[in-house]
N, C-alpha and C. Protein backbone atom coordinates (compact mmCIF):
# COMPACT_ATOMS: atom_id res chain seq x y z
N MET A 1 71.50 -43.46 -9.63
CA MET A 1 70.93 -43.11 -11.11
C MET A 1 69.82 -42.19 -11.09
N HIS A 2 69.87 -41.24 -11.94
CA HIS A 2 68.86 -40.32 -12.36
C HIS A 2 68.12 -40.73 -13.44
N THR A 3 66.88 -40.79 -13.32
CA THR A 3 66.27 -41.47 -14.56
C THR A 3 65.13 -40.35 -14.80
N SER A 4 65.00 -39.52 -16.16
CA SER A 4 64.18 -38.71 -16.53
C SER A 4 62.62 -39.41 -17.01
N LEU A 5 61.41 -38.91 -16.74
CA LEU A 5 60.30 -39.57 -17.16
C LEU A 5 60.12 -38.75 -18.74
N ARG A 6 59.67 -39.73 -19.52
CA ARG A 6 59.32 -38.80 -20.87
C ARG A 6 57.81 -38.63 -20.78
N ILE A 7 57.29 -37.30 -21.30
CA ILE A 7 55.87 -37.09 -21.17
C ILE A 7 55.51 -37.24 -22.78
N PRO A 8 54.19 -38.05 -22.94
CA PRO A 8 54.06 -38.21 -24.43
C PRO A 8 53.61 -36.88 -24.83
N HIS A 9 53.67 -36.64 -26.15
CA HIS A 9 53.20 -35.65 -26.72
C HIS A 9 51.84 -35.09 -26.54
N SER A 10 50.80 -36.12 -26.65
CA SER A 10 49.44 -35.93 -26.38
C SER A 10 49.28 -35.21 -25.11
N LEU A 11 49.99 -35.60 -24.02
CA LEU A 11 49.49 -35.14 -22.43
C LEU A 11 49.98 -33.60 -22.56
N ARG A 12 51.39 -33.48 -23.07
CA ARG A 12 51.91 -32.22 -23.31
C ARG A 12 50.85 -31.23 -24.04
N THR A 13 50.37 -31.50 -25.05
CA THR A 13 49.60 -30.55 -25.78
C THR A 13 48.20 -30.19 -24.93
N ASN A 14 47.66 -31.46 -24.35
CA ASN A 14 46.66 -31.32 -23.55
C ASN A 14 46.97 -30.26 -22.19
N GLY A 15 48.00 -30.34 -21.67
CA GLY A 15 48.39 -29.63 -20.45
C GLY A 15 48.66 -28.17 -20.93
N GLN A 16 49.23 -27.85 -22.25
CA GLN A 16 49.25 -26.59 -22.59
C GLN A 16 48.08 -25.90 -22.89
N GLN A 17 46.83 -26.74 -23.37
CA GLN A 17 45.51 -26.17 -23.79
C GLN A 17 44.96 -25.75 -22.57
N CYS A 18 45.15 -26.54 -21.36
CA CYS A 18 44.33 -26.34 -20.26
C CYS A 18 44.76 -25.01 -19.65
N LEU A 19 46.06 -24.69 -19.73
CA LEU A 19 47.06 -23.58 -19.10
C LEU A 19 46.61 -22.13 -19.84
N HIS A 20 46.27 -22.60 -21.49
CA HIS A 20 45.97 -21.31 -22.18
C HIS A 20 44.68 -21.11 -22.04
N SER A 21 43.49 -21.95 -21.45
CA SER A 21 42.21 -21.75 -21.27
C SER A 21 42.35 -20.84 -19.87
N LEU A 22 43.06 -21.55 -19.05
CA LEU A 22 43.08 -20.76 -17.73
C LEU A 22 43.53 -19.30 -17.68
N GLN A 23 44.41 -18.94 -18.76
CA GLN A 23 44.73 -17.60 -18.85
C GLN A 23 43.64 -16.88 -19.71
N GLN A 24 42.91 -17.62 -20.42
CA GLN A 24 41.87 -16.77 -21.13
C GLN A 24 40.81 -16.39 -20.18
N GLN A 25 40.51 -17.19 -18.98
CA GLN A 25 39.59 -17.09 -18.19
C GLN A 25 39.91 -15.72 -17.49
N GLN A 26 41.32 -15.56 -17.03
CA GLN A 26 41.40 -14.47 -16.28
C GLN A 26 41.64 -13.15 -16.94
N CYS A 27 41.44 -13.07 -17.95
CA CYS A 27 41.52 -11.62 -18.67
C CYS A 27 40.44 -10.97 -18.31
N ARG A 28 40.46 -9.59 -18.24
CA ARG A 28 39.39 -8.81 -17.52
C ARG A 28 39.05 -7.51 -18.76
N HIS A 29 37.77 -7.26 -18.29
CA HIS A 29 36.88 -6.45 -19.44
C HIS A 29 36.62 -5.26 -18.88
N VAL A 30 35.95 -4.38 -19.47
CA VAL A 30 35.32 -3.30 -19.09
C VAL A 30 34.43 -3.27 -17.49
N SER A 31 33.58 -4.42 -17.83
CA SER A 31 32.65 -4.65 -16.86
C SER A 31 33.30 -5.37 -15.70
N SER A 32 34.48 -5.66 -15.55
CA SER A 32 35.09 -6.44 -14.48
C SER A 32 34.73 -5.53 -13.19
N PHE A 33 35.03 -6.03 -11.91
CA PHE A 33 34.74 -5.51 -10.69
C PHE A 33 35.89 -4.31 -10.40
N ARG A 34 37.19 -4.62 -10.75
CA ARG A 34 38.27 -3.80 -10.58
C ARG A 34 38.01 -2.28 -11.14
N ARG A 35 37.59 -2.49 -12.39
CA ARG A 35 37.40 -1.26 -13.06
C ARG A 35 36.14 -0.49 -12.69
N THR A 36 35.11 -1.21 -12.64
CA THR A 36 33.81 -0.49 -11.79
C THR A 36 34.19 0.10 -10.66
N LYS A 37 34.92 -0.36 -9.59
CA LYS A 37 35.10 0.19 -8.44
C LYS A 37 36.15 1.31 -8.67
N LYS A 38 37.13 1.17 -9.81
CA LYS A 38 37.80 2.51 -9.94
C LYS A 38 36.95 3.71 -10.55
N MET A 39 35.89 3.29 -11.48
CA MET A 39 35.16 4.40 -11.79
C MET A 39 34.31 5.23 -10.80
N LEU A 40 33.87 4.42 -9.70
CA LEU A 40 33.38 5.00 -8.57
C LEU A 40 33.89 5.82 -7.56
N LEU A 41 35.46 5.56 -7.77
CA LEU A 41 36.28 6.73 -7.06
C LEU A 41 36.93 7.81 -7.59
N VAL A 42 36.32 7.90 -9.07
CA VAL A 42 36.31 9.53 -9.61
C VAL A 42 35.67 10.64 -8.50
N GLN A 43 36.45 11.73 -8.45
CA GLN A 43 35.92 12.58 -7.78
C GLN A 43 35.01 13.38 -8.55
N PRO A 44 33.80 13.96 -7.83
CA PRO A 44 32.89 14.82 -8.64
C PRO A 44 33.31 15.98 -8.99
N ASP A 45 32.54 16.74 -10.05
CA ASP A 45 32.92 17.86 -10.72
C ASP A 45 32.58 18.87 -9.74
N GLN A 46 33.30 20.04 -9.58
CA GLN A 46 33.41 21.22 -8.65
C GLN A 46 32.11 21.80 -8.99
N SER A 47 31.46 21.89 -9.80
CA SER A 47 30.13 22.36 -10.28
C SER A 47 29.26 21.81 -9.16
N PHE A 48 29.23 20.40 -8.85
CA PHE A 48 28.37 19.77 -7.99
C PHE A 48 28.59 19.92 -6.52
N LYS A 49 29.68 20.62 -6.39
CA LYS A 49 29.86 20.91 -4.74
C LYS A 49 29.20 22.10 -4.28
N SER A 50 28.91 22.37 -3.01
CA SER A 50 28.43 23.49 -2.47
C SER A 50 29.31 24.60 -2.76
N THR A 51 28.94 25.84 -3.05
CA THR A 51 29.81 26.84 -2.85
C THR A 51 29.89 27.46 -1.79
N THR A 52 28.69 27.44 -1.01
CA THR A 52 28.73 28.10 0.39
C THR A 52 29.06 27.06 1.58
N GLY A 53 29.46 27.56 2.87
CA GLY A 53 29.82 26.91 3.62
C GLY A 53 28.66 25.98 4.19
N SER A 54 29.07 25.33 5.83
CA SER A 54 28.16 24.63 6.04
C SER A 54 27.12 25.44 7.11
N GLN A 55 27.03 26.71 6.97
CA GLN A 55 26.34 27.68 7.91
C GLN A 55 24.51 27.27 7.34
N ASP A 56 23.74 27.67 8.33
CA ASP A 56 22.31 27.61 8.19
C ASP A 56 21.83 28.67 7.12
N HIS A 57 21.34 28.29 5.99
CA HIS A 57 20.90 29.35 5.03
C HIS A 57 19.53 28.97 4.41
N ILE A 58 18.95 29.87 4.01
CA ILE A 58 17.47 29.66 3.25
C ILE A 58 18.03 29.38 1.63
N ILE A 59 17.55 28.53 0.96
CA ILE A 59 17.75 28.35 -0.43
C ILE A 59 16.54 28.51 -1.23
N TYR A 60 16.47 29.60 -2.20
CA TYR A 60 15.72 30.23 -3.07
C TYR A 60 15.71 29.65 -4.30
N ASN A 61 15.64 28.89 -4.80
CA ASN A 61 15.59 28.40 -6.10
C ASN A 61 14.37 28.82 -6.92
N PRO A 62 14.23 29.93 -7.63
CA PRO A 62 13.09 30.40 -8.44
C PRO A 62 13.22 29.46 -9.85
N PRO A 63 12.00 29.31 -10.90
CA PRO A 63 12.14 28.77 -12.00
C PRO A 63 12.87 29.59 -12.93
N SER A 64 13.39 28.94 -13.91
CA SER A 64 14.09 29.77 -14.93
C SER A 64 13.21 30.49 -15.65
N SER A 65 12.79 31.90 -15.18
CA SER A 65 12.01 32.69 -16.02
C SER A 65 12.13 34.35 -15.61
N ALA A 66 11.57 35.03 -16.36
CA ALA A 66 11.83 36.56 -15.94
C ALA A 66 11.15 36.60 -14.41
N PRO A 67 11.72 37.43 -13.53
CA PRO A 67 11.13 37.73 -12.49
C PRO A 67 9.83 38.65 -12.50
N ASN A 68 8.87 38.02 -11.51
CA ASN A 68 7.59 38.49 -11.47
C ASN A 68 7.36 38.89 -10.09
N VAL A 69 6.70 39.87 -9.74
CA VAL A 69 6.24 40.46 -8.49
C VAL A 69 5.37 39.77 -7.89
N TYR A 70 4.43 38.83 -8.55
CA TYR A 70 3.40 38.02 -8.08
C TYR A 70 4.25 36.64 -7.66
N HIS A 71 5.37 36.24 -7.91
CA HIS A 71 5.95 35.06 -7.78
C HIS A 71 6.88 35.18 -6.67
N THR A 72 7.36 36.36 -6.16
CA THR A 72 8.41 36.63 -5.05
C THR A 72 7.89 36.33 -3.85
N PRO A 73 8.36 35.59 -3.20
CA PRO A 73 7.93 35.29 -1.85
C PRO A 73 7.97 36.47 -0.81
N LEU A 74 6.84 36.43 -0.13
CA LEU A 74 6.78 37.47 0.78
C LEU A 74 7.85 37.50 1.88
N LYS A 75 8.81 36.50 2.03
CA LYS A 75 9.48 36.38 3.07
C LYS A 75 10.86 37.10 2.47
N PHE A 76 10.97 37.41 1.20
CA PHE A 76 12.12 37.98 0.57
C PHE A 76 11.83 39.44 0.52
N LEU A 77 10.50 39.87 0.67
CA LEU A 77 10.43 41.17 0.64
C LEU A 77 10.92 42.12 1.56
N PRO A 78 11.46 43.15 1.47
CA PRO A 78 11.55 44.18 2.49
C PRO A 78 10.46 44.59 3.39
N LYS A 79 10.42 45.07 4.47
CA LYS A 79 9.27 45.56 5.43
C LYS A 79 8.56 46.59 4.71
N ASP A 80 9.44 47.36 4.05
CA ASP A 80 8.62 48.71 3.83
C ASP A 80 8.46 48.72 2.23
N ASP A 81 8.34 47.52 1.55
CA ASP A 81 7.97 47.15 0.28
C ASP A 81 6.67 47.30 -0.15
N PRO A 82 6.29 48.00 -1.18
CA PRO A 82 4.57 48.28 -1.66
C PRO A 82 4.06 46.88 -1.83
N ARG A 83 5.03 46.10 -2.38
CA ARG A 83 4.46 44.87 -2.95
C ARG A 83 3.90 43.87 -1.79
N ARG A 84 4.06 44.35 -0.55
CA ARG A 84 3.63 43.84 0.51
C ARG A 84 2.04 43.68 0.62
N ARG A 85 1.85 44.93 0.04
CA ARG A 85 -0.07 45.27 0.17
C ARG A 85 -0.51 44.66 -1.08
N LEU A 86 0.07 44.04 -2.03
CA LEU A 86 -0.28 43.39 -3.25
C LEU A 86 -0.58 41.85 -2.73
N HIS A 87 0.41 41.40 -1.91
CA HIS A 87 0.09 39.84 -1.34
C HIS A 87 -1.28 40.16 -0.47
N THR A 88 -1.29 41.06 0.34
CA THR A 88 -2.55 40.71 1.06
C THR A 88 -3.84 41.15 0.35
N LEU A 89 -3.77 41.83 -0.63
CA LEU A 89 -4.94 42.07 -1.47
C LEU A 89 -5.28 40.85 -2.26
N LEU A 90 -4.26 40.12 -2.69
CA LEU A 90 -4.57 38.99 -3.60
C LEU A 90 -4.72 37.72 -2.68
N ARG A 91 -4.58 37.80 -1.56
CA ARG A 91 -4.69 36.62 -0.91
C ARG A 91 -6.06 36.43 -0.32
N PRO A 92 -6.84 35.48 -0.75
CA PRO A 92 -8.41 35.38 -0.47
C PRO A 92 -8.39 35.17 1.16
N THR A 93 -9.51 35.66 1.74
CA THR A 93 -9.74 35.36 3.01
C THR A 93 -10.25 33.98 3.22
N SER A 94 -10.56 33.46 4.31
CA SER A 94 -11.24 32.16 4.49
C SER A 94 -12.58 32.05 4.24
N ALA A 95 -13.28 33.46 4.50
CA ALA A 95 -15.02 33.13 4.34
C ALA A 95 -15.25 33.18 2.87
N SER A 96 -14.29 34.09 2.15
CA SER A 96 -14.68 34.32 0.71
C SER A 96 -14.25 32.94 -0.01
N ALA A 97 -13.32 32.35 0.38
CA ALA A 97 -12.67 31.18 -0.26
C ALA A 97 -13.80 29.98 -0.18
N SER A 98 -14.53 30.05 1.10
CA SER A 98 -15.04 28.83 1.47
C SER A 98 -16.56 29.16 0.59
N SER A 99 -17.04 30.34 0.12
CA SER A 99 -18.27 30.77 -0.65
C SER A 99 -18.17 30.74 -1.94
N THR A 100 -16.75 30.87 -2.41
CA THR A 100 -16.64 30.82 -4.07
C THR A 100 -16.51 29.33 -4.42
N THR A 101 -15.93 28.59 -3.56
CA THR A 101 -15.53 27.13 -4.25
C THR A 101 -16.70 26.28 -3.80
N ALA A 102 -17.17 25.64 -4.85
CA ALA A 102 -18.36 24.88 -4.77
C ALA A 102 -18.01 23.22 -5.01
N LEU A 103 -18.42 22.50 -4.16
CA LEU A 103 -18.19 20.98 -4.48
C LEU A 103 -18.96 20.50 -5.50
N PRO A 104 -18.49 19.25 -6.18
CA PRO A 104 -19.27 18.68 -7.17
C PRO A 104 -20.36 17.91 -6.58
N PRO A 105 -21.39 17.77 -7.38
CA PRO A 105 -22.59 16.84 -6.80
C PRO A 105 -21.97 15.44 -6.13
N ALA A 106 -22.59 14.98 -5.12
CA ALA A 106 -22.61 13.59 -4.90
C ALA A 106 -22.96 12.36 -5.57
N VAL A 107 -21.95 11.57 -5.63
CA VAL A 107 -22.33 10.39 -6.70
C VAL A 107 -23.38 9.91 -6.23
N ARG A 108 -23.52 9.45 -4.91
CA ARG A 108 -24.98 8.65 -4.48
C ARG A 108 -25.51 9.59 -3.39
N PRO A 109 -26.57 9.66 -2.93
CA PRO A 109 -27.36 10.19 -1.83
C PRO A 109 -26.55 9.93 -0.57
N VAL A 110 -26.52 10.91 0.36
CA VAL A 110 -25.94 10.70 1.43
C VAL A 110 -26.89 9.96 2.56
N TYR A 111 -26.40 8.80 3.13
CA TYR A 111 -27.05 7.95 3.81
C TYR A 111 -27.41 8.43 5.31
N GLU A 112 -28.75 8.49 5.49
CA GLU A 112 -28.95 9.31 6.90
C GLU A 112 -29.79 8.14 7.66
N LYS A 113 -29.58 7.76 8.95
CA LYS A 113 -30.23 6.93 9.54
C LYS A 113 -31.78 7.37 9.84
N LYS A 114 -32.60 6.14 9.56
CA LYS A 114 -33.97 6.49 9.90
C LYS A 114 -34.34 5.80 10.97
N TYR A 115 -35.25 6.15 11.89
CA TYR A 115 -35.72 5.64 13.15
C TYR A 115 -37.21 5.63 12.91
N HIS A 116 -37.84 5.02 12.08
CA HIS A 116 -39.06 4.74 11.61
C HIS A 116 -40.07 3.72 11.88
N LEU A 117 -39.11 2.70 12.50
CA LEU A 117 -40.01 1.45 12.63
C LEU A 117 -40.60 1.68 14.08
N LYS A 118 -41.65 0.79 13.82
CA LYS A 118 -42.51 0.57 15.37
C LYS A 118 -42.52 -0.67 15.76
N GLU A 119 -43.06 -1.00 16.71
CA GLU A 119 -43.24 -2.14 17.40
C GLU A 119 -43.85 -3.14 16.46
N ALA A 120 -45.01 -2.62 15.90
CA ALA A 120 -45.75 -3.68 14.79
C ALA A 120 -44.78 -3.96 13.47
N ASP A 121 -44.03 -2.84 13.43
CA ASP A 121 -42.92 -3.41 12.07
C ASP A 121 -41.97 -4.35 12.29
N ILE A 122 -41.40 -4.12 13.89
CA ILE A 122 -40.62 -5.24 14.12
C ILE A 122 -41.12 -6.72 14.48
N ALA A 123 -42.32 -6.75 14.82
CA ALA A 123 -43.13 -8.18 14.91
C ALA A 123 -43.36 -8.63 13.79
N GLU A 124 -43.61 -7.92 12.68
CA GLU A 124 -43.90 -8.26 11.37
C GLU A 124 -42.55 -8.78 10.69
N ILE A 125 -41.37 -8.26 10.99
CA ILE A 125 -40.20 -8.78 10.65
C ILE A 125 -40.01 -9.94 11.34
N ARG A 126 -40.17 -10.23 12.51
CA ARG A 126 -39.82 -11.61 13.23
C ARG A 126 -40.98 -12.60 12.72
N ARG A 127 -42.35 -12.26 12.55
CA ARG A 127 -43.22 -13.13 11.71
C ARG A 127 -42.55 -13.65 10.36
N LEU A 128 -42.32 -12.80 9.68
CA LEU A 128 -42.21 -12.88 8.35
C LEU A 128 -40.64 -14.07 8.40
N ARG A 129 -39.95 -13.74 9.14
CA ARG A 129 -38.52 -14.26 9.09
C ARG A 129 -38.77 -15.86 9.80
N ALA A 130 -39.62 -15.73 10.74
CA ALA A 130 -39.97 -17.18 11.13
C ALA A 130 -40.82 -18.05 10.22
N GLU A 131 -41.86 -17.38 9.63
CA GLU A 131 -42.45 -18.38 8.60
C GLU A 131 -41.71 -19.05 7.38
N ASP A 132 -41.00 -17.98 6.75
CA ASP A 132 -40.14 -18.93 5.66
C ASP A 132 -38.76 -17.93 5.61
N PRO A 133 -37.82 -18.70 6.34
CA PRO A 133 -36.51 -17.98 6.19
C PRO A 133 -35.87 -17.68 5.07
N ARG A 134 -36.23 -18.69 4.13
CA ARG A 134 -35.35 -18.77 2.77
C ARG A 134 -36.08 -17.74 1.83
N GLN A 135 -37.26 -17.56 2.03
CA GLN A 135 -37.83 -16.61 1.19
C GLN A 135 -37.54 -15.13 1.81
N TRP A 136 -37.86 -14.81 2.97
CA TRP A 136 -37.48 -13.79 3.77
C TRP A 136 -36.17 -13.76 4.39
N THR A 137 -35.16 -13.58 3.40
CA THR A 137 -34.12 -13.35 3.89
C THR A 137 -33.48 -11.87 4.62
N ARG A 138 -32.43 -11.67 5.19
CA ARG A 138 -32.20 -10.47 5.85
C ARG A 138 -32.02 -9.33 4.67
N VAL A 139 -31.68 -9.89 3.36
CA VAL A 139 -31.43 -8.65 2.45
C VAL A 139 -32.85 -8.11 2.07
N ARG A 140 -34.10 -9.04 1.90
CA ARG A 140 -35.19 -8.83 1.51
C ARG A 140 -36.08 -8.11 2.47
N LEU A 141 -35.78 -8.60 3.80
CA LEU A 141 -36.52 -8.00 4.95
C LEU A 141 -35.87 -6.27 5.10
N ALA A 142 -34.63 -6.33 4.74
CA ALA A 142 -34.11 -4.92 4.68
C ALA A 142 -34.48 -4.04 3.91
N GLU A 143 -34.87 -4.59 2.43
CA GLU A 143 -35.35 -3.63 1.45
C GLU A 143 -36.85 -3.45 1.74
N LYS A 144 -37.67 -4.19 2.01
CA LYS A 144 -39.06 -4.22 2.46
C LYS A 144 -39.42 -3.07 3.57
N PHE A 145 -38.57 -3.01 4.49
CA PHE A 145 -38.90 -2.19 5.64
C PHE A 145 -37.89 -0.77 5.89
N GLU A 146 -36.85 -0.95 4.74
CA GLU A 146 -36.03 0.25 4.37
C GLU A 146 -35.31 0.57 5.58
N CYS A 147 -34.64 -0.54 6.23
CA CYS A 147 -33.38 -0.74 7.40
C CYS A 147 -32.40 -1.24 6.75
N SER A 148 -31.40 -1.40 7.67
CA SER A 148 -30.08 -2.16 7.45
C SER A 148 -30.20 -3.65 7.81
N GLN A 149 -29.52 -4.75 7.12
CA GLN A 149 -29.42 -5.98 7.29
C GLN A 149 -29.03 -6.30 8.69
N PHE A 150 -28.17 -5.38 9.45
CA PHE A 150 -27.70 -5.52 10.64
C PHE A 150 -28.74 -5.24 11.62
N PHE A 151 -29.88 -4.34 11.49
CA PHE A 151 -30.87 -4.20 12.22
C PHE A 151 -31.77 -5.33 12.25
N VAL A 152 -31.98 -6.01 10.81
CA VAL A 152 -32.61 -7.50 10.74
C VAL A 152 -32.27 -8.42 11.45
N SER A 153 -31.03 -8.24 11.72
CA SER A 153 -30.17 -9.31 12.42
C SER A 153 -30.29 -9.45 13.99
N LEU A 154 -30.71 -7.98 14.43
CA LEU A 154 -30.73 -7.68 15.73
C LEU A 154 -32.24 -8.11 16.20
N CYS A 155 -33.01 -8.00 15.10
CA CYS A 155 -34.52 -8.20 15.65
C CYS A 155 -34.82 -9.47 15.39
N CYS A 156 -34.47 -10.33 14.97
CA CYS A 156 -34.64 -11.90 14.65
C CYS A 156 -33.71 -12.62 14.07
N SER A 157 -33.60 -14.00 14.38
CA SER A 157 -32.53 -14.88 13.65
C SER A 157 -33.38 -15.93 13.30
N ALA A 158 -32.69 -16.94 12.23
CA ALA A 158 -33.05 -18.15 11.94
C ALA A 158 -32.15 -19.12 12.36
N PRO A 159 -32.50 -19.89 13.40
CA PRO A 159 -31.52 -20.98 13.75
C PRO A 159 -31.47 -22.06 12.94
N GLN A 160 -32.76 -22.61 12.27
CA GLN A 160 -32.44 -23.76 11.52
C GLN A 160 -31.74 -23.65 10.37
N ILE A 161 -31.72 -22.12 9.81
CA ILE A 161 -30.89 -21.98 8.53
C ILE A 161 -29.31 -22.03 8.96
N LYS A 162 -29.12 -21.64 10.34
CA LYS A 162 -27.54 -21.76 11.02
C LYS A 162 -27.20 -22.94 11.24
N ASP A 163 -28.40 -23.88 11.59
CA ASP A 163 -27.77 -25.26 11.76
C ASP A 163 -27.56 -26.06 10.48
N GLU A 164 -28.55 -25.74 9.36
CA GLU A 164 -28.23 -26.41 8.18
C GLU A 164 -26.71 -26.02 7.55
N ARG A 165 -26.49 -24.54 7.94
CA ARG A 165 -24.96 -24.21 7.30
C ARG A 165 -23.97 -25.01 8.07
N ASN A 166 -23.91 -24.86 9.20
CA ASN A 166 -23.20 -25.73 9.97
C ASN A 166 -22.84 -27.29 9.77
N ALA A 167 -24.11 -27.71 9.49
CA ALA A 167 -24.05 -29.30 8.92
C ALA A 167 -23.34 -29.39 7.65
N GLU A 168 -23.60 -28.55 6.72
CA GLU A 168 -22.74 -28.57 5.41
C GLU A 168 -21.31 -27.93 5.72
N LEU A 169 -20.95 -27.00 6.73
CA LEU A 169 -19.66 -26.84 6.72
C LEU A 169 -18.73 -28.20 7.46
N GLU A 170 -19.56 -28.97 8.30
CA GLU A 170 -19.03 -30.17 8.90
C GLU A 170 -18.86 -31.33 7.74
N LYS A 171 -19.81 -31.43 6.76
CA LYS A 171 -19.43 -32.37 5.68
C LYS A 171 -18.17 -31.88 4.78
N ILE A 172 -17.92 -30.51 4.75
CA ILE A 172 -16.85 -30.13 3.97
C ILE A 172 -15.66 -30.47 4.76
N LYS A 173 -15.55 -30.29 6.15
CA LYS A 173 -14.39 -30.58 7.07
C LYS A 173 -14.24 -31.98 6.95
N GLU A 174 -15.03 -32.86 6.87
CA GLU A 174 -14.77 -34.45 6.80
C GLU A 174 -13.88 -34.65 5.78
N LYS A 175 -13.94 -33.86 4.71
CA LYS A 175 -12.88 -34.16 3.71
C LYS A 175 -11.60 -33.36 3.76
N TRP A 176 -11.40 -32.78 4.59
CA TRP A 176 -10.17 -32.24 5.01
C TRP A 176 -9.31 -33.23 5.43
N GLY A 177 -7.80 -33.03 4.89
CA GLY A 177 -6.74 -33.86 5.41
C GLY A 177 -6.32 -33.10 6.68
N ARG A 178 -5.40 -34.02 7.13
CA ARG A 178 -4.70 -33.65 8.47
C ARG A 178 -4.01 -32.22 8.70
N THR A 179 -3.39 -31.92 7.72
CA THR A 179 -2.57 -30.58 7.38
C THR A 179 -3.66 -29.47 7.47
N LYS A 180 -4.91 -29.58 6.77
CA LYS A 180 -5.65 -28.38 6.77
C LYS A 180 -6.40 -28.39 8.24
N THR A 181 -6.64 -29.64 8.78
CA THR A 181 -7.42 -29.72 9.80
C THR A 181 -6.62 -28.83 11.19
N GLU A 182 -5.31 -29.38 11.13
CA GLU A 182 -4.56 -28.69 12.05
C GLU A 182 -4.26 -27.28 11.93
N ALA A 183 -4.05 -26.63 10.59
CA ALA A 183 -3.84 -25.45 10.18
C ALA A 183 -5.02 -24.55 10.82
N ARG A 184 -6.34 -24.90 10.71
CA ARG A 184 -7.42 -24.46 11.02
C ARG A 184 -7.65 -24.92 12.82
N GLU A 185 -7.47 -25.53 13.12
CA GLU A 185 -7.23 -25.45 14.78
C GLU A 185 -6.27 -24.36 15.04
N ASP A 186 -5.08 -24.41 14.38
CA ASP A 186 -4.11 -23.28 15.09
C ASP A 186 -4.75 -21.91 14.74
N ARG A 187 -5.22 -21.61 13.79
CA ARG A 187 -5.91 -20.50 13.55
C ARG A 187 -7.15 -20.14 14.62
N GLN A 188 -7.77 -20.92 15.20
CA GLN A 188 -8.75 -20.67 16.05
C GLN A 188 -8.20 -20.32 17.59
N THR A 189 -7.01 -21.16 17.84
CA THR A 189 -6.29 -20.98 18.94
C THR A 189 -5.68 -19.48 18.97
N ARG A 190 -5.29 -18.94 17.66
CA ARG A 190 -4.46 -17.67 17.76
C ARG A 190 -5.81 -16.69 17.77
N LYS A 191 -6.81 -16.89 17.31
CA LYS A 191 -8.11 -16.01 17.42
C LYS A 191 -8.19 -15.86 18.83
N GLN A 192 -8.22 -16.71 19.56
CA GLN A 192 -8.70 -16.62 21.01
C GLN A 192 -7.80 -15.97 21.64
N SER A 193 -6.46 -15.92 21.21
CA SER A 193 -5.34 -15.20 21.92
C SER A 193 -5.35 -13.90 21.57
N TRP A 194 -6.25 -13.22 20.73
CA TRP A 194 -6.15 -11.70 20.02
C TRP A 194 -6.82 -11.01 21.27
N GLY A 195 -6.14 -9.97 21.44
CA GLY A 195 -6.46 -8.83 22.33
C GLY A 195 -5.85 -9.12 23.91
N LYS A 196 -5.36 -10.32 24.02
CA LYS A 196 -5.06 -10.79 25.29
C LYS A 196 -3.53 -10.27 25.54
N ALA A 197 -3.20 -9.74 26.42
CA ALA A 197 -1.74 -9.55 26.99
C ALA A 197 -0.94 -10.74 26.89
N VAL A 198 0.35 -10.56 26.18
CA VAL A 198 1.21 -11.67 25.96
C VAL A 198 2.32 -11.35 27.15
């Protein structure tokens, strides 16, 4: 016995709507992949292609203006052309070029190293730094004695200031979490391996 199932009308219309929506999604537009790919396959115009063969040659593309003897490259002039002499006359020599061109004035004066400090000055730097390292910092000593801060650091040091800064840094490190502490330790181990052969 053959029985046929009757599909309700509401299911039939819903199924037709689903099929209709699928058909609408498949419709292509200009921006679809197939047409874009097809546009890329269009052959270029003949004017874009090279007219010469694949030989080695020099391409000289002058500007779109009237020809000028001063703009013709020396390479393209014949050997007996009188314009070659013009090129040699117009080309300045290195000596005249260096004398005529003047540089603009310097923005700041040129720094020259001075070797003017005596043993007494170095002893004075050490005395001032030992007396009051907070007042006589590297910057102030360098300004007073007209030398670099690096030279002041070579002459003397302030270990108590360094100890205070290390203590402050240790207080800050106590507030760090596990992740930051491990990251800093990893950085230190990486720094130790700098310059070593791997």
